[in-house]
Amino acid sequence: MSSLDGDDTRRAGGINAQAALRLTRTGRLHQTLPMGYYLLEYVLVENYLARRGALREAHLALAREASRCGDLVLAGALAEPPDRAVLIWRTDDRSVVERFVRDDPYVRHGLVTFWTIRRWTVVIGDETATTPVGPG
């Protein structure tokens, strides 16, 4: 095993594709998931529903491809009013999300007036960042 960072964290290889074991300085094993999450929020134009028609299929094709690759987990517009959209990404590479924004026809054609990308720390759910393994 080799040291990964200054706190003497160590990983055991070959656990599985989704997880690794981490041995902390105290000797306790933790399962860590290699991916993080990002939340992409779009602020939409007032007449978004009326304007999206010609661009929707290209936007959805881009989103489907990101989902097929495993990067885009959930996506959709908020309702009543439909003034925002939220897209949840599972990746440690922020540039994946930035590339989507750059290529999205909704952004390129002005349906999105403002957007933000925020790292999201998941603490409850099926995929938490660190889950204790074994007794201890």
Protein backbone atom coordinates (compact mmCIF):
# COMPACT_ATOMS: atom_id res chain seq x y z
CA MET A 1 0.00 0.00 0.00
CA SER A 2 1.16 3.53 -0.64
CA SER A 3 0.31 6.73 1.17
CA LEU A 4 -2.25 8.82 -0.71
CA ASP A 5 -2.16 11.98 1.35
CA GLY A 6 -0.66 13.65 4.40
CA ASP A 7 -2.99 12.00 6.94
CA ASP A 8 -1.57 8.57 6.14
CA THR A 9 -4.73 7.39 4.42
CA ARG A 10 -4.19 4.11 2.60
CA ARG A 11 -6.30 2.18 0.09
CA ALA A 12 -6.52 -1.51 -0.61
CA GLY A 13 -6.83 -2.22 -4.33
CA GLY A 14 -9.13 -4.66 -6.07
CA ILE A 15 -12.23 -4.30 -3.86
CA ASN A 16 -14.67 -3.62 -6.72
CA ALA A 17 -15.29 -1.00 -9.41
CA GLN A 18 -17.49 1.17 -7.17
CA ALA A 19 -15.67 1.18 -3.86
CA ALA A 20 -12.31 0.89 -2.16
CA LEU A 21 -11.25 0.29 1.43
CA ARG A 22 -9.46 3.07 3.22
CA LEU A 23 -7.32 2.48 6.29
CA THR A 24 -7.09 5.58 8.46
CA ARG A 25 -4.33 6.44 10.91
CA THR A 26 -6.41 4.88 13.71
CA GLY A 27 -6.45 1.56 11.86
CA ARG A 28 -10.19 1.62 11.15
CA LEU A 29 -11.36 0.54 7.71
CA HIS A 30 -13.86 2.66 5.79
CA GLN A 31 -15.48 2.01 2.46
CA THR A 32 -15.15 5.02 0.19
CA LEU A 33 -16.92 5.64 -3.06
CA PRO A 34 -14.66 7.19 -5.68
CA MET A 35 -17.28 9.51 -7.16
CA GLY A 36 -18.62 12.76 -5.82
CA TYR A 37 -21.76 14.64 -6.73
CA TYR A 38 -22.44 18.00 -8.35
CA LEU A 39 -25.71 19.88 -8.55
CA LEU A 40 -26.26 21.93 -11.70
CA GLU A 41 -29.04 24.48 -11.40
CA TYR A 42 -30.44 26.37 -14.37
CA VAL A 43 -32.49 29.56 -14.09
CA LEU A 44 -34.88 29.53 -17.06
CA VAL A 45 -36.42 32.33 -19.12
CA GLU A 46 -39.99 33.31 -18.32
CA ASN A 47 -41.41 31.75 -21.50
CA TYR A 48 -39.27 28.62 -21.30
CA LEU A 49 -42.09 26.13 -22.02
CA ALA A 50 -43.13 28.01 -25.16
CA ARG A 51 -39.55 28.36 -26.46
CA ARG A 52 -38.05 24.93 -25.74
CA GLY A 53 -39.84 22.96 -28.50
CA ALA A 54 -37.30 23.31 -31.32
CA LEU A 55 -34.36 22.66 -28.98
CA ARG A 56 -35.79 19.98 -26.71
CA GLU A 57 -34.75 16.88 -28.65
CA ALA A 58 -31.12 18.04 -28.92
CA HIS A 59 -31.10 18.95 -25.22
CA LEU A 60 -32.56 15.56 -24.25
CA ALA A 61 -30.11 13.70 -26.52
CA LEU A 62 -27.21 15.42 -24.76
CA ALA A 63 -28.71 14.56 -21.36
CA ARG A 64 -29.37 10.94 -22.37
CA GLU A 65 -25.76 10.52 -23.47
CA ALA A 66 -24.50 11.92 -20.16
CA SER A 67 -26.85 9.53 -18.34
CA ARG A 68 -25.75 6.58 -20.47
CA CYS A 69 -22.13 7.34 -19.53
CA GLY A 70 -23.12 7.28 -15.86
CA ASP A 71 -22.39 10.96 -15.18
CA LEU A 72 -25.92 12.41 -15.11
CA VAL A 73 -28.03 10.77 -12.39
CA LEU A 74 -31.26 12.81 -12.29
CA ALA A 75 -32.52 15.82 -14.23
CA GLY A 76 -35.68 17.83 -14.69
CA ALA A 77 -37.41 21.17 -14.50
CA LEU A 78 -39.06 22.40 -11.33
CA ALA A 79 -42.82 22.92 -11.60
CA GLU A 80 -45.26 25.65 -10.60
CA PRO A 81 -43.62 27.76 -11.86
CA PRO A 82 -41.25 26.05 -14.34
CA ASP A 83 -38.55 28.66 -13.76
CA ARG A 84 -35.60 26.42 -12.85
CA ALA A 85 -34.12 23.03 -13.67
CA VAL A 86 -31.91 20.80 -11.52
CA LEU A 87 -29.44 18.21 -12.79
CA ILE A 88 -27.59 15.86 -10.40
CA TRP A 89 -24.20 14.61 -11.56
CA ARG A 90 -22.08 11.77 -10.17
CA THR A 91 -18.49 12.57 -11.07
CA ASP A 92 -15.32 13.86 -9.48
CA ASP A 93 -14.55 15.90 -12.59
CA ARG A 94 -16.32 19.27 -12.59
CA SER A 95 -15.33 19.76 -16.24
CA VAL A 96 -17.82 17.02 -17.23
CA VAL A 97 -20.64 19.25 -15.96
CA GLU A 98 -19.09 22.40 -17.43
CA ARG A 99 -18.81 20.70 -20.84
CA PHE A 100 -22.50 19.77 -20.69
CA VAL A 101 -23.43 23.39 -19.96
CA ARG A 102 -21.22 24.63 -22.80
CA ASP A 103 -22.81 22.19 -25.27
CA ASP A 104 -26.44 22.43 -24.08
CA PRO A 105 -28.71 24.01 -26.72
CA TYR A 106 -30.87 25.50 -23.94
CA VAL A 107 -27.85 27.48 -22.75
CA ARG A 108 -26.52 28.33 -26.22
CA HIS A 109 -29.93 29.64 -27.38
CA GLY A 110 -30.78 31.70 -24.30
CA LEU A 111 -33.36 29.54 -22.51
CA VAL A 112 -31.03 29.45 -19.51
CA THR A 113 -30.38 32.93 -18.11
CA PHE A 114 -28.06 31.86 -15.28
CA TRP A 115 -26.54 28.60 -14.08
CA THR A 116 -24.53 27.36 -11.12
CA ILE A 117 -22.51 24.24 -10.43
CA ARG A 118 -22.11 23.26 -6.79
CA ARG A 119 -20.34 20.30 -5.21
CA TRP A 120 -22.98 18.34 -3.27
CA THR A 121 -22.11 16.37 -0.14
CA VAL A 122 -24.50 13.43 0.19
CA VAL A 123 -25.01 12.42 3.83
CA ILE A 124 -28.23 10.39 3.60
CA GLY A 125 -29.05 7.93 0.85
CA ASP A 126 -27.75 4.82 -0.79
CA GLU A 127 -24.42 6.38 -1.71
CA THR A 128 -22.84 8.26 1.16
CA ALA A 129 -19.27 9.44 0.85
CA THR A 130 -17.90 7.25 3.65
CA THR A 131 -19.52 4.21 5.21
CA PRO A 132 -17.90 2.32 8.11
CA VAL A 133 -16.97 -1.26 7.25
CA GLY A 134 -16.89 -4.08 9.80
CA PRO A 135 -16.96 -3.84 13.60
CA GLY A 136 -15.67 -0.85 15.25
